[in-house]
Amino acid sequence: MNFNLKQIEAFIWVADLGSFRKAASRLNTTQPNISARISSLEAALGAHLMERDAGSVRLTSQGKELLKYARKVLRSTEELAAASGKNSLFQGSLKLGVTEMVVHTWLREFLRELKEHYPNIAVELTVDVSVNLEKELMDRSIDLALQNEPFVHQTSGSEDLGTYPLIWVASPDMGLHKKKEVTKEDLAIYPILTHAKNTRLYEEVENHFSPLNNVRIVPSTNLSACLHMTADGMGVVTVPEVMVQNELASGELVKINYSWTPESLHFLARFDAERSSGLVSSAATIAGNITKLFGTSRAHS
């Protein structure tokens, strides 16, 4: 046959991303290379696969039909590599999106396990709030998102990653931990540090404190910065308890006995099972196994 896997791969990514430029970026090559691969594939198949307009790409009816078979070819290639038992045959990159909570808990263990399974796969990491990760997942800028609910869109592939309860913490210098029962007014004396405005965590905190006058809610895209500010007595914050285990153990932060917290964060590994490679599904399974070892709650399972 006068075509190869690189040409088939280029065809699939141009079709999925709707752009030669984006496909080139995805495959770590140049746009002229992608164009050459598509042209060579069309010549070998004797088929006109796509129409190229200014700034956009549309599959022809023949292109749409052959795309289904192109996906099968790549899947069969992956299955052949997996059946050989040599995961070192898997090469390329995994575009991974994670929230900050994952970074500060079990991401390192996950990456170690992934490297053990797929030694020649490079991970390209994006850390962002869940709502932004979902947008990137939908436009295929990332392959796999380790993120928390709620979601606007459903995905065809997912793996449960457990549920993470939140707690309130403060600097011990504030003395709030000495109170048997902390009131809303006690907390509102201080700036309420929380996640970015476009997150459910921010919305719940804002709604909870909105009846009070002069409450200062301070959003941040970086929960680590919130924790540093909290340790320095610049406010109080509610975060997943697993994020602050070390700080609680060292006494840098203390837990506050306040009866209300935002709803626990439920995490999923989400991906497009219909278009993604088998590697992505395998990585999601590895993430699920890591969180089970990590001891997260499975109340939503």
Protein backbone atom coordinates (compact mmCIF):
# COMPACT_ATOMS: atom_id res chain seq x y z
CA MET A 1 0.00 0.00 0.00
CA ASN A 2 1.20 3.51 -0.82
CA PHE A 3 0.04 5.16 2.41
CA ASN A 4 1.22 4.96 6.01
CA LEU A 5 0.08 5.50 9.60
CA LYS A 6 1.37 9.07 9.77
CA GLN A 7 -0.84 10.01 6.85
CA ILE A 8 -3.85 8.32 8.42
CA GLU A 9 -3.14 10.01 11.75
CA ALA A 10 -2.91 13.41 10.03
CA PHE A 11 -6.24 12.79 8.28
CA ILE A 12 -7.96 11.97 11.57
CA TRP A 13 -6.61 14.99 13.43
CA VAL A 14 -7.38 17.45 10.64
CA ALA A 15 -10.90 16.05 10.53
CA ASP A 16 -11.34 16.25 14.33
CA LEU A 17 -9.79 19.69 14.81
CA GLY A 18 -11.00 21.24 11.55
CA SER A 19 -7.63 22.83 10.93
CA PHE A 20 -4.31 21.93 9.34
CA ARG A 21 -2.56 24.31 11.74
CA LYS A 22 -4.11 22.72 14.84
CA ALA A 23 -3.37 19.23 13.53
CA ALA A 24 0.26 20.22 12.97
CA SER A 25 0.50 21.55 16.52
CA ARG A 26 -1.11 18.40 17.86
CA LEU A 27 1.31 16.12 16.01
CA ASN A 28 4.37 18.30 16.74
CA THR A 29 5.11 18.96 13.08
CA THR A 30 4.61 21.73 10.52
CA GLN A 31 1.53 22.68 8.56
CA PRO A 32 3.26 21.93 5.21
CA ASN A 33 4.02 18.43 6.49
CA ILE A 34 0.36 17.88 7.35
CA SER A 35 -0.68 19.15 3.93
CA ALA A 36 1.80 16.82 2.26
CA ARG A 37 0.56 13.82 4.25
CA ILE A 38 -3.07 14.54 3.35
CA SER A 39 -2.20 15.02 -0.33
CA SER A 40 -0.24 11.77 -0.40
CA LEU A 41 -3.09 9.90 1.29
CA GLU A 42 -5.61 11.31 -1.19
CA ALA A 43 -3.37 10.29 -4.10
CA ALA A 44 -2.89 6.77 -2.73
CA LEU A 45 -6.60 6.28 -2.11
CA GLY A 46 -7.71 8.04 -5.26
CA ALA A 47 -10.11 10.01 -3.11
CA HIS A 48 -10.85 13.66 -2.41
CA LEU A 49 -11.07 13.71 1.39
CA MET A 50 -11.65 17.34 2.28
CA GLU A 51 -12.43 20.83 1.04
CA ARG A 52 -10.02 23.50 2.19
CA ASP A 53 -11.54 26.96 2.51
CA ALA A 54 -9.91 29.99 4.07
CA GLY A 55 -9.57 29.20 7.77
CA SER A 56 -11.66 26.03 7.71
CA VAL A 57 -11.69 22.43 6.56
CA ARG A 58 -14.76 20.38 5.57
CA LEU A 59 -14.78 16.67 4.89
CA THR A 60 -16.29 15.52 1.63
CA SER A 61 -18.92 12.79 1.73
CA GLN A 62 -16.20 10.32 0.76
CA GLY A 63 -13.92 11.75 3.45
CA LYS A 64 -16.60 11.23 6.10
CA GLU A 65 -17.02 7.61 5.02
CA LEU A 66 -13.29 6.85 4.93
CA LEU A 67 -12.71 8.56 8.29
CA LYS A 68 -14.53 5.69 10.02
CA TYR A 69 -12.12 3.21 8.50
CA ALA A 70 -9.11 5.38 9.29
CA ARG A 71 -10.06 5.31 12.97
CA LYS A 72 -10.35 1.52 12.81
CA VAL A 73 -6.85 1.28 11.34
CA LEU A 74 -5.31 3.25 14.22
CA ARG A 75 -7.32 1.35 16.82
CA SER A 76 -6.19 -1.97 15.31
CA THR A 77 -2.60 -0.77 15.38
CA GLU A 78 -2.92 0.08 19.07
CA GLU A 79 -4.52 -3.28 19.78
CA LEU A 80 -1.65 -5.01 18.00
CA ALA A 81 0.87 -3.12 20.16
CA ALA A 82 -1.10 -3.92 23.33
CA ALA A 83 -1.41 -7.61 22.41
CA SER A 84 2.36 -7.81 22.00
CA GLY A 85 2.75 -6.90 25.67
CA LYS A 86 5.29 -4.23 24.77
CA ASN A 87 3.85 -0.92 25.92
CA SER A 88 7.13 0.70 24.91
CA LEU A 89 5.70 0.59 21.37
CA PHE A 90 3.28 3.35 22.35
CA GLN A 91 4.82 6.69 21.47
CA GLY A 92 3.67 10.27 21.16
CA SER A 93 2.00 12.51 23.72
CA LEU A 94 -0.93 12.58 26.10
CA LYS A 95 -2.45 16.03 26.56
CA LEU A 96 -3.63 15.95 30.16
CA GLY A 97 -5.74 18.56 31.93
CA VAL A 98 -6.03 18.58 35.73
CA THR A 99 -7.37 20.87 38.44
CA GLU A 100 -5.18 22.25 41.18
CA MET A 101 -6.64 19.86 43.74
CA VAL A 102 -5.30 16.92 41.72
CA VAL A 103 -1.87 18.56 41.52
CA HIS A 104 -1.69 18.81 45.32
CA THR A 105 -2.88 15.28 46.07
CA TRP A 106 -2.28 12.27 43.83
CA LEU A 107 -1.02 13.65 40.47
CA ARG A 108 2.57 12.62 41.17
CA GLU A 109 1.56 9.03 41.89
CA PHE A 110 -0.60 8.97 38.76
CA LEU A 111 2.22 10.22 36.53
CA ARG A 112 4.63 7.67 38.00
CA GLU A 113 2.19 4.84 37.31
CA LEU A 114 1.50 6.13 33.80
CA LYS A 115 5.24 6.27 33.10
CA GLU A 116 5.57 2.70 34.34
CA HIS A 117 2.90 1.53 31.90
CA TYR A 118 3.87 3.73 28.93
CA PRO A 119 7.56 4.69 29.21
CA ASN A 120 7.71 6.42 25.81
CA ILE A 121 4.62 8.60 26.18
CA ALA A 122 5.23 12.29 26.95
CA VAL A 123 2.64 14.04 29.10
CA GLU A 124 1.74 17.62 28.21
CA LEU A 125 0.12 19.05 31.33
CA THR A 126 -2.47 21.81 31.65
CA VAL A 127 -3.55 22.99 35.12
CA ASP A 128 -6.75 25.03 35.20
CA VAL A 129 -10.18 25.34 36.78
CA SER A 130 -12.65 22.64 35.80
CA VAL A 131 -14.87 24.85 33.64
CA ASN A 132 -11.92 25.78 31.43
CA LEU A 133 -10.71 22.19 31.22
CA GLU A 134 -14.13 21.14 29.97
CA LYS A 135 -13.94 23.66 27.13
CA GLU A 136 -10.50 22.35 26.15
CA LEU A 137 -11.74 18.78 26.30
CA MET A 138 -14.69 19.59 24.05
CA ASP A 139 -12.50 21.21 21.39
CA ARG A 140 -9.93 18.41 21.74
CA SER A 141 -7.12 20.67 22.94
CA ILE A 142 -6.62 18.06 25.66
CA ASP A 143 -7.19 14.30 25.56
CA LEU A 144 -8.07 13.62 29.17
CA ALA A 145 -9.45 15.85 31.91
CA LEU A 146 -9.19 14.97 35.60
CA GLN A 147 -11.82 17.38 36.86
CA ASN A 148 -14.70 17.99 39.22
CA GLU A 149 -18.41 18.43 38.61
CA PRO A 150 -20.62 20.13 37.53
CA PHE A 151 -20.30 19.67 33.77
CA VAL A 152 -22.12 21.35 30.92
CA HIS A 153 -21.41 18.60 28.40
CA GLN A 154 -21.49 14.84 28.66
CA THR A 155 -18.58 12.71 27.46
CA SER A 156 -18.67 9.22 26.01
CA GLY A 157 -15.88 8.07 28.33
CA SER A 158 -15.38 8.59 32.06
CA GLU A 159 -13.85 7.02 35.15
CA ASP A 160 -14.91 7.79 38.72
CA LEU A 161 -12.16 9.46 40.75
CA GLY A 162 -13.96 9.79 44.04
CA THR A 163 -15.44 12.50 46.24
CA TYR A 164 -13.50 15.03 48.30
CA PRO A 165 -15.13 16.76 51.32
CA LEU A 166 -14.21 20.36 52.12
CA ILE A 167 -13.26 21.96 55.43
CA TRP A 168 -12.59 25.48 56.70
CA VAL A 169 -9.05 26.32 57.75
CA ALA A 170 -7.29 29.36 59.17
CA SER A 171 -4.03 30.44 60.74
CA PRO A 172 -3.75 29.31 64.37
CA ASP A 173 -2.88 32.92 65.25
CA MET A 174 -6.50 33.90 64.59
CA GLY A 175 -7.72 31.68 67.44
CA LEU A 176 -10.82 30.56 65.54
CA HIS A 177 -10.00 26.90 66.16
CA LYS A 178 -10.39 27.51 69.89
CA LYS A 179 -14.05 28.36 69.50
CA LYS A 180 -16.36 25.44 70.19
CA GLU A 181 -18.67 26.60 67.45
CA VAL A 182 -17.75 29.24 64.88
CA THR A 183 -20.55 31.43 63.47
CA LYS A 184 -20.97 32.97 60.04
CA GLU A 185 -20.33 36.35 61.60
CA ASP A 186 -17.07 35.10 63.13
CA LEU A 187 -15.77 34.13 59.69
CA ALA A 188 -17.06 37.27 57.99
CA ILE A 189 -14.74 39.40 60.11
CA TYR A 190 -11.94 38.14 57.86
CA PRO A 191 -11.58 38.05 54.06
CA ILE A 192 -13.16 34.85 52.71
CA LEU A 193 -10.62 33.39 50.28
CA THR A 194 -12.03 31.10 47.63
CA HIS A 195 -11.70 29.78 44.09
CA ALA A 196 -12.21 31.72 40.85
CA LYS A 197 -15.53 33.39 40.05
CA ASN A 198 -16.55 30.96 37.33
CA THR A 199 -16.49 27.95 39.67
CA ARG A 200 -19.19 26.25 41.71
CA LEU A 201 -17.07 26.64 44.86
CA TYR A 202 -17.06 30.42 44.49
CA GLU A 203 -20.81 30.54 43.79
CA GLU A 204 -21.66 28.47 46.87
CA VAL A 205 -19.45 30.57 49.13
CA GLU A 206 -20.83 33.83 47.74
CA ASN A 207 -24.44 32.66 48.14
CA HIS A 208 -23.79 31.51 51.69
CA PHE A 209 -22.32 34.81 52.87
CA SER A 210 -24.41 37.16 50.72
CA PRO A 211 -26.99 37.94 53.49
CA LEU A 212 -24.21 39.62 55.51
CA ASN A 213 -23.15 43.21 54.95
CA ASN A 214 -19.55 44.16 54.23
CA VAL A 215 -18.38 40.57 53.78
CA ARG A 216 -15.15 40.42 51.72
CA ILE A 217 -15.03 37.46 49.32
CA VAL A 218 -11.67 37.23 47.58
CA PRO A 219 -11.58 34.89 44.55
CA SER A 220 -8.38 33.43 43.13
CA THR A 221 -7.53 31.07 40.29
CA ASN A 222 -4.77 29.65 42.48
CA LEU A 223 -5.80 27.74 45.61
CA SER A 224 -2.16 27.39 46.63
CA ALA A 225 -1.93 31.16 46.87
CA CYS A 226 -5.10 31.14 48.98
CA LEU A 227 -3.49 28.66 51.37
CA HIS A 228 -0.33 30.78 51.68
CA MET A 229 -2.44 33.86 52.38
CA THR A 230 -4.47 31.92 54.93
CA ALA A 231 -1.35 30.68 56.71
CA ASP A 232 -0.19 34.30 56.91
CA GLY A 233 -3.45 35.36 58.56
CA MET A 234 -4.82 37.18 55.52
CA GLY A 235 -8.16 35.39 55.54
CA VAL A 236 -9.95 32.07 55.95
CA VAL A 237 -10.59 29.50 53.25
CA THR A 238 -12.57 26.34 52.53
CA VAL A 239 -10.71 23.67 50.54
CA PRO A 240 -10.73 19.90 50.08
CA GLU A 241 -9.30 18.41 53.27
CA VAL A 242 -6.83 16.26 51.33
CA MET A 243 -5.13 19.43 50.05
CA VAL A 244 -4.11 20.59 53.52
CA GLN A 245 -3.16 17.39 55.32
CA ASN A 246 0.50 18.41 55.58
CA GLU A 247 -0.32 21.94 56.76
CA LEU A 248 -2.73 20.58 59.37
CA ALA A 249 -0.16 18.06 60.59
CA SER A 250 2.52 20.73 60.92
CA GLY A 251 0.19 23.20 62.63
CA GLU A 252 0.67 25.83 59.92
CA LEU A 253 -3.10 25.71 59.41
CA VAL A 254 -5.88 24.61 61.75
CA LYS A 255 -9.36 23.31 61.09
CA ILE A 256 -12.27 25.56 62.03
CA ASN A 257 -15.41 24.10 63.55
CA TYR A 258 -17.92 25.75 61.24
CA SER A 259 -21.04 23.74 60.45
CA TRP A 260 -21.44 24.71 56.78
CA THR A 261 -19.17 23.82 53.89
CA PRO A 262 -19.71 23.81 50.14
CA GLU A 263 -20.79 20.53 48.59
CA SER A 264 -18.04 17.92 48.34
CA LEU A 265 -16.15 17.86 45.04
CA HIS A 266 -16.82 14.82 42.90
CA PHE A 267 -14.09 14.10 40.36
CA LEU A 268 -14.10 12.18 37.09
CA ALA A 269 -11.52 11.32 34.47
CA ARG A 270 -13.31 12.38 31.27
CA PHE A 271 -12.49 11.74 27.62
CA ASP A 272 -13.97 11.12 24.18
CA ALA A 273 -14.17 7.33 24.01
CA GLU A 274 -15.34 7.37 20.40
CA ARG A 275 -12.45 9.38 18.98
CA SER A 276 -9.63 9.05 21.51
CA SER A 277 -6.92 6.42 21.36
CA GLY A 278 -6.96 3.40 23.63
CA LEU A 279 -4.08 5.00 25.53
CA VAL A 280 -6.42 7.72 26.80
CA SER A 281 -8.91 5.19 28.13
CA SER A 282 -6.07 3.27 29.77
CA ALA A 283 -4.77 6.46 31.40
CA ALA A 284 -8.25 7.17 32.80
CA THR A 285 -8.36 3.67 34.29
CA ILE A 286 -4.94 4.19 35.87
CA ALA A 287 -6.18 7.45 37.42
CA GLY A 288 -9.19 5.63 38.86
CA ASN A 289 -6.99 2.93 40.36
CA ILE A 290 -4.67 5.52 41.91
CA THR A 291 -7.54 7.32 43.63
CA LYS A 292 -8.80 4.04 45.07
CA LEU A 293 -5.38 3.52 46.65
CA PHE A 294 -5.43 7.13 47.76
CA GLY A 295 -8.57 6.39 49.78
CA THR A 296 -11.12 8.77 48.28
CA SER A 297 -14.83 8.34 48.96
CA ARG A 298 -16.85 6.52 46.31
CA ALA A 299 -20.28 7.75 47.35
CA HIS A 300 -21.20 8.71 43.78
CA SER A 301 -20.04 5.44 42.21
